[in-house]
Amino acid sequence: SKAIHLLEQSLRKRQIDKAFFRHETAHILCEEARQLIAQHRTDTAIAQLKESLSRRPELTEASVLLAQLLITRDELGKALGILEKSWKFMPHATLRETLLKLVENEKNKKKFISSLQKIAKIHPEHEESELLLRDVNNIVG
């Protein structure tokens, strides 16, 4: 994209540092992926989101979008891995909601319950982890 090209030029001229470049390009790639999703170009969107996460793995928005696309493709294991990796950086409400959506799409809900419990224990003191455990308990019954 033109924006990334301009950032690359600025980086080469040492007008910006690598950290700023990675941060900004990750956001641009994520935004471009949103546009691709709207155009039903999911293969390209998935590639953009993976590239975004390679530049800024803690970007929750990219993780959620990628996981949602994988869930629609019934690639639940991959989606779970993306969400777990993002949760390690910082639990977030949209991550929890997407984790619960993943379980809703699974016929055998208990298959993922232990994974969700494990994810919640990564940051046990965080409010989102407590909410995730509560949601898991509601699913189990």
Protein backbone atom coordinates (compact mmCIF):
# COMPACT_ATOMS: atom_id res chain seq x y z
CA SER A 1 0.00 0.00 0.00
CA LYS A 2 1.00 3.62 -0.44
CA ALA A 3 1.06 4.24 3.33
CA ILE A 4 3.43 1.35 3.96
CA HIS A 5 5.61 2.48 1.07
CA LEU A 6 5.87 5.97 2.64
CA LEU A 7 6.78 4.42 5.98
CA GLU A 8 9.45 2.30 4.31
CA GLN A 9 10.94 5.44 2.74
CA SER A 10 10.92 7.20 6.11
CA LEU A 11 12.61 4.21 7.72
CA ARG A 12 15.32 4.13 5.04
CA LYS A 13 15.92 7.86 5.56
CA ARG A 14 16.06 7.20 9.33
CA GLN A 15 13.18 9.59 9.95
CA ILE A 16 11.44 6.89 11.99
CA ASP A 17 12.77 3.95 13.99
CA LYS A 18 12.07 0.24 13.41
CA ALA A 19 9.70 -0.04 16.38
CA PHE A 20 7.52 2.79 15.06
CA PHE A 21 7.62 1.26 11.57
CA ARG A 22 6.50 -2.18 12.87
CA HIS A 23 3.77 -0.62 15.00
CA GLU A 24 2.31 1.52 12.22
CA THR A 25 2.56 -1.08 9.47
CA ALA A 26 0.82 -3.63 11.68
CA HIS A 27 -2.12 -1.27 12.09
CA ILE A 28 -2.20 -0.45 8.38
CA LEU A 29 -2.18 -4.15 7.46
CA CYS A 30 -5.00 -4.79 9.91
CA GLU A 31 -7.08 -1.98 8.41
CA GLU A 32 -6.40 -3.26 4.90
CA ALA A 33 -7.54 -6.71 6.05
CA ARG A 34 -10.85 -5.19 7.22
CA GLN A 35 -11.39 -3.79 3.74
CA LEU A 36 -10.50 -7.14 2.17
CA ILE A 37 -13.00 -8.90 4.45
CA ALA A 38 -15.70 -6.46 3.31
CA GLN A 39 -14.80 -7.39 -0.28
CA HIS A 40 -15.04 -11.13 0.59
CA ARG A 41 -11.33 -11.62 -0.13
CA THR A 42 -10.69 -13.73 2.95
CA ASP A 43 -7.56 -15.53 1.73
CA THR A 44 -5.79 -12.22 1.20
CA ALA A 45 -7.21 -10.84 4.46
CA ILE A 46 -5.82 -13.82 6.37
CA ALA A 47 -2.39 -13.23 4.84
CA GLN A 48 -2.55 -9.52 5.78
CA LEU A 49 -3.55 -10.33 9.36
CA LYS A 50 -0.75 -12.88 9.74
CA GLU A 51 1.72 -10.29 8.47
CA SER A 52 0.26 -7.73 10.87
CA LEU A 53 0.73 -10.13 13.79
CA SER A 54 4.28 -10.94 12.72
CA ARG A 55 5.07 -7.24 13.09
CA ARG A 56 3.07 -6.68 16.27
CA PRO A 57 1.98 -9.96 17.90
CA GLU A 58 0.18 -8.21 20.75
CA LEU A 59 -2.30 -6.48 18.39
CA THR A 60 -5.60 -7.74 19.77
CA GLU A 61 -7.66 -6.43 16.87
CA ALA A 62 -5.67 -8.45 14.32
CA SER A 63 -5.81 -11.57 16.48
CA VAL A 64 -9.58 -11.34 16.84
CA LEU A 65 -10.16 -10.71 13.12
CA LEU A 66 -7.89 -13.60 12.15
CA ALA A 67 -9.52 -15.94 14.68
CA GLN A 68 -12.99 -14.98 13.46
CA LEU A 69 -12.03 -15.78 9.87
CA LEU A 70 -10.56 -19.12 10.96
CA ILE A 71 -13.72 -19.93 12.94
CA THR A 72 -15.86 -19.34 9.84
CA ARG A 73 -13.58 -21.79 8.00
CA ASP A 74 -14.03 -24.30 10.82
CA GLU A 75 -10.32 -24.11 11.66
CA LEU A 76 -11.06 -23.98 15.37
CA GLY A 77 -7.71 -25.30 16.57
CA LYS A 78 -5.82 -22.60 14.68
CA ALA A 79 -8.22 -19.93 15.95
CA LEU A 80 -7.73 -21.13 19.51
CA GLY A 81 -3.95 -20.90 19.12
CA ILE A 82 -4.16 -17.32 17.82
CA LEU A 83 -6.42 -16.26 20.68
CA GLU A 84 -4.29 -17.97 23.33
CA LYS A 85 -1.15 -16.28 22.04
CA SER A 86 -2.86 -12.89 22.17
CA TRP A 87 -4.25 -13.59 25.67
CA LYS A 88 -0.68 -14.12 26.89
CA PHE A 89 0.09 -10.49 26.05
CA MET A 90 -3.04 -9.13 27.73
CA PRO A 91 -6.54 -10.51 28.29
CA HIS A 92 -9.22 -8.46 26.57
CA ALA A 93 -13.01 -8.56 26.35
CA THR A 94 -13.01 -9.12 22.58
CA LEU A 95 -10.62 -12.04 22.99
CA ARG A 96 -12.94 -13.58 25.60
CA GLU A 97 -15.98 -13.03 23.38
CA THR A 98 -14.23 -14.67 20.43
CA LEU A 99 -13.11 -17.61 22.57
CA LEU A 100 -16.73 -18.12 23.62
CA LYS A 101 -17.87 -17.83 19.98
CA LEU A 102 -15.38 -20.55 19.11
CA VAL A 103 -16.92 -22.86 21.72
CA GLU A 104 -20.45 -22.01 20.55
CA ASN A 105 -19.53 -23.18 17.04
CA GLU A 106 -18.23 -26.50 18.34
CA LYS A 107 -20.69 -29.38 18.60
CA ASN A 108 -18.59 -31.01 21.30
CA LYS A 109 -18.26 -27.99 23.60
CA LYS A 110 -16.40 -29.94 26.27
CA LYS A 111 -13.60 -30.49 23.75
CA PHE A 112 -12.45 -26.87 24.28
CA ILE A 113 -13.40 -26.34 27.93
CA SER A 114 -10.01 -27.43 29.30
CA SER A 115 -8.27 -25.15 26.78
CA LEU A 116 -10.33 -22.17 27.93
CA GLN A 117 -9.59 -22.98 31.58
CA LYS A 118 -5.88 -23.14 30.75
CA ILE A 119 -6.05 -19.79 28.94
CA ALA A 120 -7.83 -18.17 31.90
CA LYS A 121 -5.01 -19.34 34.19
CA ILE A 122 -2.38 -17.44 32.17
CA HIS A 123 -3.42 -14.19 33.92
CA PRO A 124 -5.57 -15.49 36.80
CA GLU A 125 -5.77 -12.11 38.56
CA HIS A 126 -7.12 -10.29 35.50
CA GLU A 127 -10.84 -9.48 35.45
CA GLU A 128 -11.26 -10.95 31.94
CA SER A 129 -9.76 -14.24 33.14
CA GLU A 130 -12.26 -14.35 36.00
CA LEU A 131 -15.09 -13.63 33.56
CA LEU A 132 -13.83 -16.33 31.18
CA LEU A 133 -13.80 -18.88 34.01
CA ARG A 134 -17.33 -17.85 34.97
CA ASP A 135 -18.47 -18.27 31.37
CA VAL A 136 -16.77 -21.68 31.16
CA ASN A 137 -18.56 -22.77 34.34
CA ASN A 138 -21.88 -21.65 32.83
CA ILE A 139 -21.19 -23.74 29.72
CA VAL A 140 -20.29 -26.80 31.78
CA GLY A 141 -23.42 -26.32 33.85
